[in-house]
Amino acid sequence: MIGPLYAESLDGARIDVEAADGRTWPLESWRWLDGAEGDEAMLARCGDPTLDVGSGPGRLTVALTRRGVGALGIDVTPRAVRLTRLAGGRALCRDVFGHVPGGGRWATVLLADGNIGIGGDPEALLRRARELLRPGGEVVAELGPPGTATRSERVRLRRDDTVTGWFAWARVGADGIGPLARRTGFGRAEVWTEAGRWFCVLG
């Protein structure tokens, strides 16, 4: 899995993402440490309580908590969980496909910062989200821009000669979420853009 290199990136280390075909790009963890332009577009749609999946260092979990919304972040990296707690948010070290507290009672499942790609299978992830939501609950997710192909690929993290194991990650474009939503049992997919980012609500 992501392992210690991701934790190091949260502390400022330069870490790259490497795809199986040889492409590389920087892991821009700094974007997840502070509020980012466009965050309000997601936060305003989150109900009480919200499960922030892949919450990282917790900027959105903490922001929801500060506005009085019950929020829990889950992340597979202990360092990310500690940072969330230090900032005043509630967080647990959990895999979304494992045991998650409050199953069937969440008003919102939040998939920010491309986390709709967790596990490399967006269809499986959205089906899992439906299990976690209460009746009438919604998924709030961030997407790629229109034209982004919905695809899964194997990637790993790299710092010089140190690498993690390979893991699956996926991308979903704004124009591909409708069919995916219907296949996973969501009757409504509302898509919008703000601050150069693309979002959706599935209900």
Foldseek 3Di string as FASTA:
>chain_A
DQPCVLLVVCVPDWKWKAFPVGDIDTDPNVPLPEDDFPLCVQLVPAAAEEEEEQCFLPHSQLVNVVVPGHYEYEHQDPSSQVSNVVSPGHYDDDDLPDDDPQFQDGQEYEAEDQNCFPQQDNLVVLLSVVRRHHVNHKYKYWAAEPPDDWGKGWMWMDDPPDIDDIGITTHHYPVRVVVSLVVSPFPDWDWDDGPRTIMIMTD
